[in-house]
Amino acid sequence: METMGVICVFKKNRLQPFFKKCREGLGVIVLPLALFQLIRTIFLPTTLDVMLTALLFFIYIGFLKHWL
């Protein structure tokens, strides 16, 4: 059992830089997507567009607050 914990720790440390790069990349991409979606929602508001816009802005706020 003890060796399983050690193996998991090594895997976590090995994958962490990859996830950091993905998180940074998504943080850069989310704001332009959210703004584009907001403009689209202003001109053609549908329920799906409003929910998607809110989701993108919540994700962006999560990146700003370092929750994600």
N, C-alpha and C. Protein backbone atom coordinates (compact mmCIF):
# COMPACT_ATOMS: atom_id res chain seq x y z
N MET A 1 0.82 -1.19 0.00
CA MET A 1 0.00 0.00 0.00
C MET A 1 0.86 1.26 0.00
N GLU A 2 1.94 1.22 0.72
CA GLU A 2 2.78 2.41 0.83
C GLU A 2 3.43 2.76 -0.52
N THR A 3 3.78 1.77 -1.29
CA THR A 3 4.40 2.05 -2.59
C THR A 3 3.40 2.67 -3.55
N MET A 4 2.11 2.39 -3.41
CA MET A 4 1.12 2.99 -4.29
C MET A 4 1.06 4.51 -4.09
N GLY A 5 1.18 4.96 -2.85
CA GLY A 5 1.19 6.39 -2.58
C GLY A 5 2.40 7.07 -3.19
N VAL A 6 3.53 6.40 -3.15
CA VAL A 6 4.75 6.97 -3.72
C VAL A 6 4.63 7.05 -5.24
N ILE A 7 4.07 6.05 -5.85
CA ILE A 7 3.90 6.05 -7.31
C ILE A 7 2.97 7.19 -7.72
N CYS A 8 1.88 7.39 -6.99
CA CYS A 8 0.95 8.46 -7.32
C CYS A 8 1.60 9.83 -7.18
N VAL A 9 2.45 10.00 -6.19
CA VAL A 9 3.14 11.27 -6.01
C VAL A 9 4.06 11.55 -7.19
N PHE A 10 4.77 10.53 -7.65
CA PHE A 10 5.66 10.74 -8.79
C PHE A 10 4.87 11.07 -10.05
N LYS A 11 3.75 10.41 -10.27
CA LYS A 11 2.94 10.71 -11.44
C LYS A 11 2.38 12.13 -11.37
N LYS A 12 1.96 12.55 -10.17
CA LYS A 12 1.43 13.89 -10.00
C LYS A 12 2.49 14.94 -10.33
N ASN A 13 3.70 14.75 -9.85
CA ASN A 13 4.76 15.71 -10.11
C ASN A 13 5.18 15.71 -11.57
N ARG A 14 5.05 14.57 -12.22
CA ARG A 14 5.45 14.48 -13.62
C ARG A 14 4.46 15.20 -14.52
N LEU A 15 3.17 15.15 -14.20
CA LEU A 15 2.16 15.75 -15.05
C LEU A 15 1.86 17.20 -14.70
N GLN A 16 2.32 17.68 -13.59
CA GLN A 16 1.98 19.02 -13.15
C GLN A 16 2.41 20.12 -14.12
N PRO A 17 3.62 20.12 -14.69
CA PRO A 17 3.97 21.19 -15.63
C PRO A 17 3.07 21.21 -16.87
N PHE A 18 2.63 20.04 -17.32
CA PHE A 18 1.73 19.98 -18.47
C PHE A 18 0.41 20.67 -18.13
N PHE A 19 -0.13 20.39 -16.95
CA PHE A 19 -1.39 21.00 -16.56
C PHE A 19 -1.23 22.50 -16.33
N LYS A 20 -0.09 22.94 -15.85
CA LYS A 20 0.15 24.37 -15.68
C LYS A 20 0.14 25.08 -17.03
N LYS A 21 0.77 24.48 -18.04
CA LYS A 21 0.78 25.08 -19.37
C LYS A 21 -0.62 25.12 -19.97
N CYS A 22 -1.38 24.06 -19.77
CA CYS A 22 -2.76 24.03 -20.27
C CYS A 22 -3.60 25.10 -19.58
N ARG A 23 -3.44 25.25 -18.28
CA ARG A 23 -4.20 26.24 -17.54
C ARG A 23 -3.84 27.65 -18.01
N GLU A 24 -2.56 27.92 -18.23
CA GLU A 24 -2.14 29.23 -18.71
C GLU A 24 -2.68 29.50 -20.11
N GLY A 25 -2.63 28.50 -20.96
CA GLY A 25 -3.15 28.65 -22.31
C GLY A 25 -4.65 28.91 -22.33
N LEU A 26 -5.38 28.19 -21.50
CA LEU A 26 -6.83 28.41 -21.43
C LEU A 26 -7.15 29.78 -20.85
N GLY A 27 -6.35 30.23 -19.91
CA GLY A 27 -6.57 31.56 -19.34
C GLY A 27 -6.43 32.66 -20.37
N VAL A 28 -5.54 32.46 -21.33
CA VAL A 28 -5.33 33.45 -22.39
C VAL A 28 -6.47 33.39 -23.41
N ILE A 29 -6.97 32.22 -23.68
CA ILE A 29 -7.96 32.03 -24.74
C ILE A 29 -9.39 32.36 -24.27
N VAL A 30 -9.67 32.20 -22.99
CA VAL A 30 -11.04 32.32 -22.50
C VAL A 30 -11.58 33.74 -22.66
N LEU A 31 -10.81 34.76 -22.38
CA LEU A 31 -11.31 36.13 -22.47
C LEU A 31 -11.73 36.51 -23.90
N PRO A 32 -10.92 36.28 -24.93
CA PRO A 32 -11.40 36.61 -26.29
C PRO A 32 -12.64 35.79 -26.69
N LEU A 33 -12.69 34.53 -26.28
CA LEU A 33 -13.88 33.74 -26.57
C LEU A 33 -15.11 34.30 -25.86
N ALA A 34 -14.95 34.71 -24.61
CA ALA A 34 -16.07 35.26 -23.86
C ALA A 34 -16.54 36.58 -24.47
N LEU A 35 -15.62 37.42 -24.90
CA LEU A 35 -16.01 38.69 -25.52
C LEU A 35 -16.70 38.47 -26.86
N PHE A 36 -16.19 37.55 -27.65
CA PHE A 36 -16.84 37.22 -28.92
C PHE A 36 -18.24 36.68 -28.67
N GLN A 37 -18.38 35.81 -27.68
CA GLN A 37 -19.67 35.25 -27.36
C GLN A 37 -20.62 36.32 -26.84
N LEU A 38 -20.10 37.28 -26.08
CA LEU A 38 -20.93 38.38 -25.58
C LEU A 38 -21.47 39.21 -26.74
N ILE A 39 -20.63 39.53 -27.71
CA ILE A 39 -21.07 40.30 -28.88
C ILE A 39 -22.11 39.51 -29.66
N ARG A 40 -21.87 38.23 -29.82
CA ARG A 40 -22.83 37.39 -30.52
C ARG A 40 -24.15 37.32 -29.77
N THR A 41 -24.09 37.26 -28.46
CA THR A 41 -25.30 37.19 -27.64
C THR A 41 -26.09 38.49 -27.70
N ILE A 42 -25.40 39.61 -27.81
CA ILE A 42 -26.09 40.90 -27.91
C ILE A 42 -26.91 40.96 -29.20
N PHE A 43 -26.36 40.45 -30.29
CA PHE A 43 -27.06 40.53 -31.58
C PHE A 43 -28.07 39.40 -31.78
N LEU A 44 -27.77 38.19 -31.34
CA LEU A 44 -28.67 37.05 -31.51
C LEU A 44 -28.85 36.31 -30.18
N PRO A 45 -29.63 36.88 -29.27
CA PRO A 45 -29.74 36.23 -27.96
C PRO A 45 -30.61 34.98 -28.00
N THR A 46 -30.05 33.89 -27.60
CA THR A 46 -30.79 32.66 -27.37
C THR A 46 -30.42 32.17 -25.98
N THR A 47 -31.18 31.23 -25.49
CA THR A 47 -30.91 30.71 -24.15
C THR A 47 -29.53 30.08 -24.08
N LEU A 48 -29.18 29.33 -25.08
CA LEU A 48 -27.86 28.67 -25.10
C LEU A 48 -26.73 29.69 -25.13
N ASP A 49 -26.89 30.75 -25.92
CA ASP A 49 -25.86 31.78 -25.99
C ASP A 49 -25.67 32.49 -24.65
N VAL A 50 -26.77 32.79 -23.97
CA VAL A 50 -26.67 33.47 -22.68
C VAL A 50 -25.98 32.56 -21.65
N MET A 51 -26.36 31.29 -21.64
CA MET A 51 -25.73 30.36 -20.69
C MET A 51 -24.26 30.15 -21.01
N LEU A 52 -23.90 30.06 -22.29
CA LEU A 52 -22.51 29.89 -22.68
C LEU A 52 -21.68 31.12 -22.32
N THR A 53 -22.24 32.30 -22.52
CA THR A 53 -21.54 33.54 -22.16
C THR A 53 -21.29 33.60 -20.66
N ALA A 54 -22.31 33.27 -19.88
CA ALA A 54 -22.15 33.28 -18.42
C ALA A 54 -21.10 32.26 -17.99
N LEU A 55 -21.13 31.08 -18.59
CA LEU A 55 -20.14 30.05 -18.26
C LEU A 55 -18.73 30.50 -18.58
N LEU A 56 -18.53 31.11 -19.74
CA LEU A 56 -17.19 31.59 -20.12
C LEU A 56 -16.71 32.69 -19.18
N PHE A 57 -17.59 33.59 -18.77
CA PHE A 57 -17.16 34.63 -17.85
C PHE A 57 -16.88 34.08 -16.46
N PHE A 58 -17.64 33.07 -16.02
CA PHE A 58 -17.34 32.44 -14.74
C PHE A 58 -16.00 31.70 -14.79
N ILE A 59 -15.71 31.07 -15.90
CA ILE A 59 -14.41 30.40 -16.06
C ILE A 59 -13.29 31.43 -16.04
N TYR A 60 -13.50 32.56 -16.71
CA TYR A 60 -12.47 33.61 -16.72
C TYR A 60 -12.25 34.18 -15.32
N ILE A 61 -13.32 34.39 -14.58
CA ILE A 61 -13.19 34.88 -13.20
C ILE A 61 -12.45 33.84 -12.36
N GLY A 62 -12.73 32.57 -12.60
CA GLY A 62 -12.01 31.51 -11.90
C GLY A 62 -10.51 31.56 -12.17
N PHE A 63 -10.14 31.86 -13.41
CA PHE A 63 -8.71 31.99 -13.72
C PHE A 63 -8.11 33.22 -13.05
N LEU A 64 -8.86 34.32 -13.01
CA LEU A 64 -8.35 35.53 -12.36
C LEU A 64 -8.14 35.33 -10.86
N LYS A 65 -9.04 34.61 -10.21
CA LYS A 65 -8.95 34.38 -8.77
C LYS A 65 -8.07 33.17 -8.42
N HIS A 66 -7.52 32.51 -9.43
CA HIS A 66 -6.66 31.32 -9.26
C HIS A 66 -7.42 30.18 -8.61
N TRP A 67 -8.73 30.09 -8.89
CA TRP A 67 -9.51 28.95 -8.41
C TRP A 67 -9.33 27.75 -9.32
N LEU A 68 -9.01 28.00 -10.60
CA LEU A 68 -8.84 26.91 -11.56
C LEU A 68 -7.38 26.74 -11.89
